[in-house]
Amino acid sequence: MAEALRVDRSTVARWESGVCEPQAWIRPKLARVLGVPLEGLAKILTDRTDSTDSTDRTANSMLHMRAGRADPAAARALADHVVALARRYDYEPSASLVAEAGQAHAAVSFLLGQGASELTIVELHRTATASASLLSQLVWDASGRWDGAAALHYCDAAIEHATACGDRVAMAHAELRKAYVALYGLAEHRDPRLGLAGAQAAAHQSQTISQALHGLAQLHVAEAFAMLGEYRQCELALSAADTAFGRMQPDDAAGGVFSPAQFGRLAGSCYLFLGHPERAEALLAGTVALLIDRQKTRSLVLGNLALSFIRQRELDAAADSLHRAIDLLEHTRGGGGMTVVFGAARELYPFRNETIVQDIHDRLLGLMARG
């Protein structure tokens, strides 16, 4: 459908999910592709709108900031809406989600000022924590990791709301997200030592409340040490992360942040920074297979895998990894993946006369042209 209409797949997905409707200019073409008359298409769209369930209607009314007292049903509906937005992160360009996430966060803030029961207020603060965390991720990703200031602003908002509802796990996670800006940001925001301090603080905060989050923080401590060339300290932090993950219990307070791919993804990145591409390759190659459902992260890992091949002068393998990464980036536009893939392309410059390298550069030019 997307190819026939010459639109992004994410656009079709938004039509199908009822997030938005096709614009007037494309409806005649859409009707032809579907094989229905234009008035038939209008009926299909009307029926789709009428079939929206009560939860969606409640969420939409909150997003339009309907005046009134915040009731538990509205708070739950808004919480569900934020969760649904977060699930779309790995499959859709972040830029296409920023407006919806911003509306959701504004709606929660509005309802917090309308008065409600204590339990509803706590739930709204939890939802505001989630929406602010999501926005920090979205604005940073959509900006190609340039807009560190906005990301940090939303991290601080998440910490404020998490403090209000007593969510220590969310507080520590937001602190860790602030460290990401220092570790992976561009321009004046990149500062490995500041990132190291932030990751260490998050590791300390989470040590007694979540082994999943503690392990994740230790992985970023390890990567910060790797950026600084501290081999021994990096490996100690990797070992601490491995130990923390081994101590996880089924009821871990932050079990949702854990992924079996985390250790290999970040340890592989560490060994790239430390100048051991062969060790990075072994870790990253195994990690790619674990990320089928995490498209943005998968593109980033494929980019790092390509770097490990380039530094071992294995151009065919590097090109294969980059093509697979670009396939994903054409649909997700993930800022992290973009940064790593274009960095790998720069390292291919000495081989620019090779046909396989020229093919990669052509695809990247096309990726840039699509904006």
Protein backbone atom coordinates (compact mmCIF):
# COMPACT_ATOMS: atom_id res chain seq x y z
CA MET A 1 0.00 0.00 0.00
CA ALA A 2 2.74 2.45 0.98
CA GLU A 3 4.66 1.77 -2.23
CA ALA A 4 1.58 2.16 -4.38
CA LEU A 5 0.70 5.49 -2.76
CA ARG A 6 4.31 6.68 -2.45
CA VAL A 7 4.01 7.35 1.28
CA ASP A 8 5.88 6.02 4.32
CA ARG A 9 4.74 2.72 5.81
CA SER A 10 4.27 4.51 9.13
CA THR A 11 1.66 6.74 7.45
CA VAL A 12 -0.39 3.71 6.41
CA ALA A 13 0.00 2.27 9.91
CA ARG A 14 -1.43 5.48 11.40
CA TRP A 15 -4.43 5.29 9.05
CA GLU A 16 -5.04 1.67 10.01
CA SER A 17 -4.82 2.36 13.74
CA GLY A 18 -7.14 5.36 13.51
CA VAL A 19 -4.50 7.82 14.74
CA CYS A 20 -5.18 10.02 11.71
CA GLU A 21 -7.09 9.91 8.42
CA PRO A 22 -5.81 10.19 4.83
CA GLN A 23 -5.61 13.79 3.62
CA ALA A 24 -8.07 14.92 0.94
CA TRP A 25 -5.44 15.09 -1.81
CA ILE A 26 -4.56 11.39 -1.52
CA ARG A 27 -8.05 9.95 -1.10
CA PRO A 28 -8.80 9.56 -4.84
CA LYS A 29 -5.61 7.57 -5.33
CA LEU A 30 -6.30 5.51 -2.19
CA ALA A 31 -9.78 4.71 -3.49
CA ARG A 32 -8.31 3.50 -6.79
CA VAL A 33 -5.76 1.29 -5.03
CA LEU A 34 -8.49 -0.24 -2.85
CA GLY A 35 -10.80 -0.65 -5.82
CA VAL A 36 -13.70 1.27 -4.29
CA PRO A 37 -15.52 4.44 -5.38
CA LEU A 38 -14.57 7.65 -3.61
CA GLU A 39 -17.87 7.74 -1.71
CA GLY A 40 -17.22 4.12 -0.66
CA LEU A 41 -13.88 5.15 0.78
CA ALA A 42 -15.59 7.92 2.75
CA LYS A 43 -17.96 5.31 4.26
CA ILE A 44 -15.04 3.05 5.20
CA LEU A 45 -13.33 5.92 7.00
CA THR A 46 -16.55 6.97 8.74
CA ASP A 47 -17.22 3.41 9.90
CA ARG A 48 -13.66 3.18 11.21
CA THR A 49 -14.12 6.38 13.20
CA ASP A 50 -17.49 5.24 14.58
CA SER A 51 -16.01 1.91 15.69
CA THR A 52 -13.39 3.54 17.91
CA ASP A 53 -13.81 1.94 21.34
CA SER A 54 -14.67 3.79 24.51
CA THR A 55 -11.08 3.77 25.76
CA ASP A 56 -9.89 5.58 22.62
CA ARG A 57 -12.71 8.09 22.89
CA THR A 58 -11.83 8.79 26.50
CA ALA A 59 -8.16 9.23 25.66
CA ASN A 60 -9.00 11.53 22.76
CA SER A 61 -11.25 13.65 24.93
CA MET A 62 -8.43 14.00 27.44
CA LEU A 63 -6.04 14.95 24.67
CA HIS A 64 -8.42 17.77 23.77
CA MET A 65 -8.28 18.88 27.44
CA ARG A 66 -11.98 18.68 28.17
CA ALA A 67 -12.66 20.72 31.30
CA GLY A 68 -13.78 18.89 34.42
CA ARG A 69 -12.64 16.88 37.40
CA ALA A 70 -10.12 14.09 36.68
CA ASP A 71 -11.87 10.77 37.27
CA PRO A 72 -10.16 7.34 37.59
CA ALA A 73 -11.46 6.11 34.21
CA ALA A 74 -9.99 9.10 32.39
CA ALA A 75 -6.68 8.68 34.22
CA ARG A 76 -6.48 5.00 33.28
CA ALA A 77 -7.39 5.71 29.67
CA LEU A 78 -4.67 8.33 29.41
CA ALA A 79 -2.15 5.96 30.99
CA ASP A 80 -3.08 3.30 28.41
CA HIS A 81 -2.67 5.86 25.65
CA VAL A 82 0.89 6.70 26.76
CA VAL A 83 1.77 2.99 26.94
CA ALA A 84 0.45 2.52 23.39
CA LEU A 85 2.57 5.43 22.17
CA ALA A 86 5.67 3.95 23.79
CA ARG A 87 5.06 0.64 22.03
CA ARG A 88 5.10 2.42 18.67
CA TYR A 89 8.54 3.90 19.32
CA ASP A 90 10.49 1.01 17.81
CA TYR A 91 8.46 0.91 14.58
CA GLU A 92 7.72 4.52 13.68
CA PRO A 93 9.87 7.62 13.16
CA SER A 94 10.15 9.54 16.41
CA ALA A 95 9.23 12.78 14.64
CA SER A 96 5.81 11.30 13.83
CA LEU A 97 5.13 10.56 17.51
CA VAL A 98 6.35 13.77 19.16
CA ALA A 99 3.09 15.69 18.69
CA GLU A 100 0.90 12.92 20.11
CA ALA A 101 3.23 12.37 23.05
CA GLY A 102 3.31 16.11 23.70
CA GLN A 103 -0.50 16.26 23.66
CA ALA A 104 -0.68 13.34 26.09
CA HIS A 105 1.80 14.95 28.47
CA ALA A 106 -0.05 18.27 28.31
CA ALA A 107 -3.33 16.46 29.01
CA VAL A 108 -1.91 14.79 32.11
CA SER A 109 -0.55 18.11 33.35
CA PHE A 110 -3.96 19.68 32.77
CA LEU A 111 -5.80 16.96 34.67
CA LEU A 112 -3.38 17.22 37.59
CA GLY A 113 -4.63 20.76 38.07
CA GLN A 114 -8.32 19.84 38.00
CA GLY A 115 -8.56 18.14 41.37
CA ALA A 116 -9.12 14.45 42.01
CA SER A 117 -8.85 11.74 44.63
CA GLU A 118 -5.42 11.00 46.08
CA LEU A 119 -5.20 7.67 44.25
CA THR A 120 -6.06 9.31 40.92
CA ILE A 121 -3.46 12.03 41.50
CA VAL A 122 -0.82 9.39 42.14
CA GLU A 123 -1.79 7.56 38.95
CA LEU A 124 -1.64 10.80 36.97
CA HIS A 125 1.85 11.52 38.32
CA ARG A 126 2.92 8.02 37.22
CA THR A 127 1.51 8.67 33.76
CA ALA A 128 3.23 12.07 33.63
CA THR A 129 6.49 10.34 34.55
CA ALA A 130 6.04 7.93 31.64
CA SER A 131 4.99 10.61 29.14
CA ALA A 132 7.90 12.90 30.09
CA SER A 133 10.36 9.99 29.80
CA LEU A 134 8.93 9.10 26.40
CA LEU A 135 9.19 12.71 25.22
CA SER A 136 12.83 12.91 26.32
CA GLN A 137 13.51 9.89 24.15
CA LEU A 138 11.47 11.12 21.20
CA VAL A 139 12.77 14.68 20.95
CA TRP A 140 16.37 13.55 21.23
CA ASP A 141 15.93 10.80 18.65
CA ALA A 142 13.94 13.00 16.26
CA SER A 143 16.63 15.70 16.41
CA GLY A 144 19.35 13.21 15.50
CA ARG A 145 20.71 13.56 19.06
CA TRP A 146 21.30 17.29 18.67
CA ASP A 147 18.62 18.56 21.03
CA GLY A 148 20.10 17.48 24.33
CA ALA A 149 18.60 20.45 26.17
CA ALA A 150 15.01 19.40 25.44
CA ALA A 151 15.78 15.78 26.34
CA LEU A 152 17.23 16.88 29.68
CA HIS A 153 14.21 19.13 30.32
CA TYR A 154 11.83 16.19 29.98
CA CYS A 155 14.10 13.96 32.09
CA ASP A 156 13.88 16.55 34.86
CA ALA A 157 10.09 16.63 34.47
CA ALA A 158 10.01 12.83 34.77
CA ILE A 159 12.08 13.03 37.97
CA GLU A 160 9.74 15.69 39.39
CA HIS A 161 6.61 13.58 38.77
CA ALA A 162 8.32 10.37 39.93
CA THR A 163 9.25 12.13 43.16
CA ALA A 164 5.66 13.28 43.62
CA CYS A 165 4.34 9.71 43.46
CA GLY A 166 7.29 8.14 45.29
CA ASP A 167 8.48 6.04 42.33
CA ARG A 168 12.17 5.48 43.13
CA VAL A 169 12.69 3.21 40.12
CA ALA A 170 11.41 5.86 37.70
CA MET A 171 13.58 8.48 39.40
CA ALA A 172 16.72 6.37 38.95
CA HIS A 173 15.79 5.52 35.36
CA ALA A 174 15.31 9.19 34.49
CA GLU A 175 18.70 9.99 36.02
CA LEU A 176 20.22 7.31 33.82
CA ARG A 177 18.53 8.83 30.76
CA LYS A 178 20.19 12.14 31.59
CA ALA A 179 23.53 10.34 31.47
CA TYR A 180 22.70 9.16 27.92
CA VAL A 181 22.73 12.75 26.69
CA ALA A 182 26.25 13.27 28.03
CA LEU A 183 27.46 9.92 26.69
CA TYR A 184 25.89 9.90 23.23
CA GLY A 185 24.85 13.47 22.50
CA LEU A 186 26.32 15.63 19.79
CA ALA A 187 28.07 18.99 19.89
CA GLU A 188 28.41 20.60 23.32
CA HIS A 189 26.30 17.95 25.08
CA ARG A 190 28.81 15.10 24.75
CA ASP A 191 30.90 14.68 27.90
CA PRO A 192 31.93 11.08 28.80
CA ARG A 193 33.07 12.07 32.29
CA LEU A 194 29.76 13.75 33.06
CA GLY A 195 27.97 10.73 31.59
CA LEU A 196 30.07 8.43 33.76
CA ALA A 197 29.10 10.36 36.89
CA GLY A 198 25.42 10.22 35.94
CA ALA A 199 25.49 6.49 35.19
CA GLN A 200 27.32 5.80 38.45
CA ALA A 201 24.73 7.83 40.37
CA ALA A 202 21.91 5.86 38.72
CA ALA A 203 23.68 2.58 39.52
CA HIS A 204 23.97 3.61 43.16
CA GLN A 205 20.32 4.71 43.38
CA SER A 206 19.01 1.49 41.83
CA GLN A 207 21.24 -0.99 43.68
CA THR A 208 18.70 -1.77 46.40
CA ILE A 209 15.50 -1.38 44.38
CA SER A 210 16.06 -3.13 41.03
CA GLN A 211 18.79 -5.43 39.81
CA ALA A 212 17.51 -4.99 36.23
CA LEU A 213 17.99 -1.22 36.35
CA HIS A 214 21.22 -1.53 38.34
CA GLY A 215 22.65 -3.84 35.67
CA LEU A 216 21.61 -1.47 32.88
CA ALA A 217 23.24 1.46 34.67
CA GLN A 218 26.44 -0.55 35.14
CA LEU A 219 26.53 -1.27 31.41
CA HIS A 220 26.53 2.46 30.73
CA VAL A 221 29.19 2.97 33.40
CA ALA A 222 31.25 0.42 31.46
CA GLU A 223 30.70 2.24 28.17
CA ALA A 224 31.71 5.55 29.73
CA PHE A 225 34.95 3.98 30.97
CA ALA A 226 35.51 2.51 27.49
CA MET A 227 35.10 5.96 25.92
CA LEU A 228 37.75 7.21 28.33
CA GLY A 229 40.08 4.31 27.47
CA GLU A 230 39.85 2.78 30.97
CA TYR A 231 40.05 -0.91 30.04
CA ARG A 232 40.21 -2.38 33.55
CA GLN A 233 37.43 -0.19 34.95
CA CYS A 234 35.27 -1.00 31.93
CA GLU A 235 35.59 -4.74 32.47
CA LEU A 236 34.86 -4.39 36.19
CA ALA A 237 31.64 -2.55 35.36
CA LEU A 238 30.69 -5.18 32.76
CA SER A 239 31.21 -7.86 35.39
CA ALA A 240 29.05 -5.90 37.86
CA ALA A 241 26.29 -5.67 35.23
CA ASP A 242 26.46 -9.40 34.54
CA THR A 243 26.22 -10.11 38.28
CA ALA A 244 23.22 -7.81 38.67
CA PHE A 245 21.34 -9.46 35.80
CA GLY A 246 22.08 -12.85 37.34
CA ARG A 247 20.44 -11.71 40.59
CA MET A 248 17.21 -10.56 38.94
CA GLN A 249 13.99 -11.95 40.37
CA PRO A 250 10.69 -12.40 38.49
CA ASP A 251 9.14 -9.54 40.50
CA ASP A 252 11.97 -7.06 39.85
CA ALA A 253 10.56 -3.54 40.18
CA ALA A 254 12.05 -2.52 36.81
CA GLY A 255 11.97 -5.86 35.05
CA GLY A 256 10.45 -4.21 31.99
CA VAL A 257 13.67 -2.34 31.20
CA PHE A 258 15.64 -5.60 30.88
CA SER A 259 16.34 -7.19 27.53
CA PRO A 260 18.57 -10.22 26.85
CA ALA A 261 20.22 -8.13 24.12
CA GLN A 262 21.44 -5.37 26.44
CA PHE A 263 24.68 -6.96 27.59
CA GLY A 264 25.93 -7.91 24.12
CA ARG A 265 24.88 -4.57 22.60
CA LEU A 266 26.71 -2.43 25.13
CA ALA A 267 29.66 -4.75 25.74
CA GLY A 268 30.22 -4.86 21.97
CA SER A 269 30.20 -1.07 21.86
CA CYS A 270 32.70 -1.02 24.75
CA TYR A 271 35.20 -3.17 22.88
CA LEU A 272 34.88 -0.98 19.80
CA PHE A 273 35.88 2.04 21.90
CA LEU A 274 38.72 0.02 23.44
CA GLY A 275 40.13 -0.98 20.03
CA HIS A 276 39.17 -4.67 20.00
CA PRO A 277 36.88 -5.03 16.96
CA GLU A 278 37.16 -8.82 16.89
CA ARG A 279 35.73 -9.09 20.42
CA ALA A 280 33.05 -6.56 19.51
CA GLU A 281 32.08 -8.57 16.43
CA ALA A 282 31.48 -11.76 18.42
CA LEU A 283 29.18 -9.95 20.85
CA LEU A 284 27.31 -7.82 18.33
CA ALA A 285 26.68 -10.61 15.82
CA GLY A 286 24.90 -12.65 18.49
CA THR A 287 22.93 -9.62 19.66
CA VAL A 288 21.42 -8.80 16.26
CA ALA A 289 19.40 -12.02 16.31
CA LEU A 290 17.85 -11.04 19.66
CA LEU A 291 16.49 -7.73 18.37
CA ILE A 292 13.87 -8.76 15.83
CA ASP A 293 11.21 -6.71 17.63
CA ARG A 294 13.44 -3.69 18.38
CA GLN A 295 14.03 -2.14 14.98
CA LYS A 296 15.69 1.11 16.04
CA THR A 297 18.07 -0.64 18.42
CA ARG A 298 18.74 -3.30 15.79
CA SER A 299 19.82 -0.68 13.26
CA LEU A 300 22.25 0.74 15.83
CA VAL A 301 23.74 -2.68 16.59
CA LEU A 302 24.07 -3.45 12.87
CA GLY A 303 25.92 -0.14 12.46
CA ASN A 304 28.33 -1.06 15.24
CA LEU A 305 28.74 -4.54 13.75
CA ALA A 306 29.67 -2.89 10.45
CA LEU A 307 32.27 -0.82 12.30
CA SER A 308 33.80 -3.98 13.76
CA PHE A 309 34.08 -5.44 10.25
CA ILE A 310 35.51 -2.24 8.76
CA ARG A 311 38.24 -2.12 11.39
CA GLN A 312 39.13 -5.70 10.50
CA ARG A 313 39.14 -4.81 6.78
CA GLU A 314 36.22 -7.15 6.03
CA LEU A 315 34.41 -4.91 3.54
CA ASP A 316 31.85 -7.40 2.22
CA ALA A 317 30.61 -8.21 5.72
CA ALA A 318 30.59 -4.51 6.63
CA ALA A 319 28.55 -3.64 3.54
CA ASP A 320 26.04 -6.40 4.29
CA SER A 321 25.53 -5.08 7.85
CA LEU A 322 25.15 -1.51 6.61
CA HIS A 323 22.59 -2.46 3.97
CA ARG A 324 20.54 -4.24 6.65
CA ALA A 325 20.80 -1.22 8.93
CA ILE A 326 19.73 1.17 6.17
CA ASP A 327 16.73 -1.06 5.38
CA LEU A 328 15.53 -0.41 8.94
CA LEU A 329 16.45 3.27 9.02
CA GLU A 330 14.41 3.98 5.90
CA HIS A 331 11.31 3.27 7.98
CA THR A 332 12.27 4.14 11.57
CA ARG A 333 14.67 7.11 11.11
CA GLY A 334 16.24 6.16 14.47
CA GLY A 335 18.67 8.87 15.60
CA GLY A 336 21.08 6.44 17.26
CA GLY A 337 21.19 4.19 14.23
CA MET A 338 21.67 7.17 11.93
CA THR A 339 24.61 8.42 13.97
CA VAL A 340 26.38 5.06 14.01
CA VAL A 341 25.70 4.21 10.36
CA PHE A 342 26.95 7.56 9.06
CA GLY A 343 29.96 7.21 11.33
CA ALA A 344 30.69 3.82 9.77
CA ALA A 345 30.35 5.36 6.31
CA ARG A 346 33.01 7.92 7.19
CA GLU A 347 35.37 5.10 8.12
CA LEU A 348 34.81 3.63 4.66
CA TYR A 349 36.34 6.71 3.02
CA PRO A 350 39.73 5.03 2.32
CA PHE A 351 37.79 2.41 0.30
CA ARG A 352 35.57 4.91 -1.53
CA ASN A 353 36.54 3.62 -4.98
CA GLU A 354 35.21 0.14 -4.21
CA THR A 355 31.85 -0.57 -5.84
CA ILE A 356 30.30 -1.98 -2.68
CA VAL A 357 31.27 1.18 -0.80
CA GLN A 358 29.85 3.42 -3.52
CA ASP A 359 26.57 1.50 -3.25
CA ILE A 360 26.44 2.22 0.49
CA HIS A 361 27.13 5.91 -0.07
CA ASP A 362 24.38 6.08 -2.72
CA ARG A 363 21.86 4.60 -0.29
CA LEU A 364 22.90 7.01 2.45
CA LEU A 365 22.47 9.94 0.09
CA GLY A 366 18.98 8.67 -0.63
CA LEU A 367 18.33 8.38 3.10
CA MET A 368 19.41 12.00 3.58
CA ALA A 369 17.29 13.16 0.66
CA ARG A 370 14.19 11.73 2.28
CA GLY A 371 14.76 14.05 5.21
